[in-house]
């Protein structure tokens, strides 16, 4: 049995959180999330890039929010398409 590196599980969870942040932003914006991976395997550099993309996306979203936007329902399909 191969022994995994001690950071494999935490890194996998970190990648998952980053991916789901991206997916939820897309859902809130009404974008299609079909084909998004929810358990991507990313490098540290890719994680940093995705963190920056997510941060920029949410910052822009928060700047644009108003009462009408807050009242709007986010309609989406989950990762299984339901």
C-alpha atoms as a PDB file:
ATOM      1  CA  UNK A   1       0.000   0.000   0.000  1.00  0.00           C
ATOM      2  CA  UNK A   2       1.386   3.377  -1.002  1.00  0.00           C
ATOM      3  CA  UNK A   3       1.688   5.996   1.698  1.00  0.00           C
ATOM      4  CA  UNK A   4       0.220   9.349   0.694  1.00  0.00           C
ATOM      5  CA  UNK A   5       2.013  12.565   1.423  1.00  0.00           C
ATOM      6  CA  UNK A   6       0.756  14.275   4.583  1.00  0.00           C
ATOM      7  CA  UNK A   7      -0.569  17.264   2.608  1.00  0.00           C
ATOM      8  CA  UNK A   8      -2.522  15.286  -0.034  1.00  0.00           C
ATOM      9  CA  UNK A   9      -5.879  15.344   1.780  1.00  0.00           C
ATOM     10  CA  UNK A  10      -5.676  18.986   2.938  1.00  0.00           C
ATOM     11  CA  UNK A  11      -4.615  20.043  -0.566  1.00  0.00           C
ATOM     12  CA  UNK A  12      -7.502  18.097  -2.125  1.00  0.00           C
ATOM     13  CA  UNK A  13      -9.949  19.786   0.253  1.00  0.00           C
ATOM     14  CA  UNK A  14      -8.444  23.196  -0.470  1.00  0.00           C
ATOM     15  CA  UNK A  15      -8.813  22.629  -4.225  1.00  0.00           C
ATOM     16  CA  UNK A  16     -12.418  21.535  -3.678  1.00  0.00           C
ATOM     17  CA  UNK A  17     -13.260  24.663  -1.681  1.00  0.00           C
ATOM     18  CA  UNK A  18     -11.732  26.900  -4.346  1.00  0.00           C
ATOM     19  CA  UNK A  19     -13.629  25.103  -7.097  1.00  0.00           C
ATOM     20  CA  UNK A  20     -16.940  25.322  -5.268  1.00  0.00           C
ATOM     21  CA  UNK A  21     -16.395  29.031  -4.594  1.00  0.00           C
ATOM     22  CA  UNK A  22     -15.991  29.481  -8.338  1.00  0.00           C
ATOM     23  CA  UNK A  23     -19.076  27.382  -9.074  1.00  0.00           C
ATOM     24  CA  UNK A  24     -21.246  29.304  -6.614  1.00  0.00           C
ATOM     25  CA  UNK A  25     -20.136  32.618  -8.063  1.00  0.00           C
ATOM     26  CA  UNK A  26     -21.096  31.384 -11.530  1.00  0.00           C
ATOM     27  CA  UNK A  27     -24.474  30.180 -10.207  1.00  0.00           C
ATOM     28  CA  UNK A  28     -25.170  33.533  -8.563  1.00  0.00           C
ATOM     29  CA  UNK A  29     -24.317  35.269 -11.841  1.00  0.00           C
ATOM     30  CA  UNK A  30     -26.654  32.938 -13.718  1.00  0.00           C
ATOM     31  CA  UNK A  31     -23.861  31.267 -15.669  1.00  0.00           C
ATOM     32  CA  UNK A  32     -23.843  27.647 -16.782  1.00  0.00           C
ATOM     33  CA  UNK A  33     -21.777  25.498 -14.429  1.00  0.00           C
ATOM     34  CA  UNK A  34     -22.035  22.271 -16.405  1.00  0.00           C
ATOM     35  CA  UNK A  35     -18.649  20.658 -16.772  1.00  0.00           C
ATOM     36  CA  UNK A  36     -17.054  22.391 -13.786  1.00  0.00           C
ATOM     37  CA  UNK A  37     -14.955  19.981 -11.779  1.00  0.00           C
ATOM     38  CA  UNK A  38     -15.777  19.959  -8.088  1.00  0.00           C
ATOM     39  CA  UNK A  39     -12.682  17.946  -7.113  1.00  0.00           C
ATOM     40  CA  UNK A  40      -9.943  19.377  -9.350  1.00  0.00           C
ATOM     41  CA  UNK A  41      -6.304  18.486  -8.873  1.00  0.00           C
ATOM     42  CA  UNK A  42      -4.420  21.772  -8.846  1.00  0.00           C
ATOM     43  CA  UNK A  43      -0.865  22.893  -8.229  1.00  0.00           C
ATOM     44  CA  UNK A  44      -0.066  25.535  -5.621  1.00  0.00           C
ATOM     45  CA  UNK A  45       0.302  28.087  -8.428  1.00  0.00           C
ATOM     46  CA  UNK A  46      -3.081  27.125  -9.892  1.00  0.00           C
ATOM     47  CA  UNK A  47      -4.654  27.389  -6.426  1.00  0.00           C
ATOM     48  CA  UNK A  48      -3.242  30.892  -6.040  1.00  0.00           C
ATOM     49  CA  UNK A  49      -4.585  31.884  -9.462  1.00  0.00           C
ATOM     50  CA  UNK A  50      -8.031  30.492  -8.680  1.00  0.00           C
ATOM     51  CA  UNK A  51      -8.056  32.240  -5.290  1.00  0.00           C
ATOM     52  CA  UNK A  52      -7.323  35.534  -7.035  1.00  0.00           C
ATOM     53  CA  UNK A  53     -10.009  34.917  -9.678  1.00  0.00           C
ATOM     54  CA  UNK A  54     -12.567  34.046  -7.012  1.00  0.00           C
ATOM     55  CA  UNK A  55     -11.625  37.066  -4.916  1.00  0.00           C
ATOM     56  CA  UNK A  56     -11.895  39.426  -7.885  1.00  0.00           C
ATOM     57  CA  UNK A  57     -15.211  37.914  -8.941  1.00  0.00           C
ATOM     58  CA  UNK A  58     -16.781  38.185  -5.503  1.00  0.00           C
ATOM     59  CA  UNK A  59     -15.441  41.712  -4.986  1.00  0.00           C
ATOM     60  CA  UNK A  60     -17.061  42.784  -8.254  1.00  0.00           C
ATOM     61  CA  UNK A  61     -20.300  41.024  -7.313  1.00  0.00           C
ATOM     62  CA  UNK A  62     -20.450  42.742  -3.910  1.00  0.00           C
ATOM     63  CA  UNK A  63     -19.832  46.161  -5.480  1.00  0.00           C
ATOM     64  CA  UNK A  64     -22.765  45.639  -7.858  1.00  0.00           C
ATOM     65  CA  UNK A  65     -25.298  44.378  -5.326  1.00  0.00           C
ATOM     66  CA  UNK A  66     -28.412  46.383  -4.680  1.00  0.00           C
ATOM     67  CA  UNK A  67     -31.804  45.558  -3.163  1.00  0.00           C
ATOM     68  CA  UNK A  68     -33.134  44.144  -6.435  1.00  0.00           C
ATOM     69  CA  UNK A  69     -30.100  41.904  -6.873  1.00  0.00           C
ATOM     70  CA  UNK A  70     -30.359  40.677  -3.292  1.00  0.00           C
ATOM     71  CA  UNK A  71     -34.011  39.759  -3.828  1.00  0.00           C
ATOM     72  CA  UNK A  72     -33.252  37.722  -6.949  1.00  0.00           C
ATOM     73  CA  UNK A  73     -33.287  33.935  -6.525  1.00  0.00           C
ATOM     74  CA  UNK A  74     -30.273  31.969  -7.678  1.00  0.00           C
ATOM     75  CA  UNK A  75     -31.519  29.084  -9.807  1.00  0.00           C
ATOM     76  CA  UNK A  76     -29.040  26.326 -10.481  1.00  0.00           C
ATOM     77  CA  UNK A  77     -28.438  22.666 -11.158  1.00  0.00           C
ATOM     78  CA  UNK A  78     -26.256  20.759  -8.727  1.00  0.00           C
ATOM     79  CA  UNK A  79     -23.190  18.824  -9.855  1.00  0.00           C
ATOM     80  CA  UNK A  80     -25.409  15.848 -10.699  1.00  0.00           C
ATOM     81  CA  UNK A  81     -27.603  17.975 -12.966  1.00  0.00           C
ATOM     82  CA  UNK A  82     -30.680  18.010 -10.765  1.00  0.00           C
END
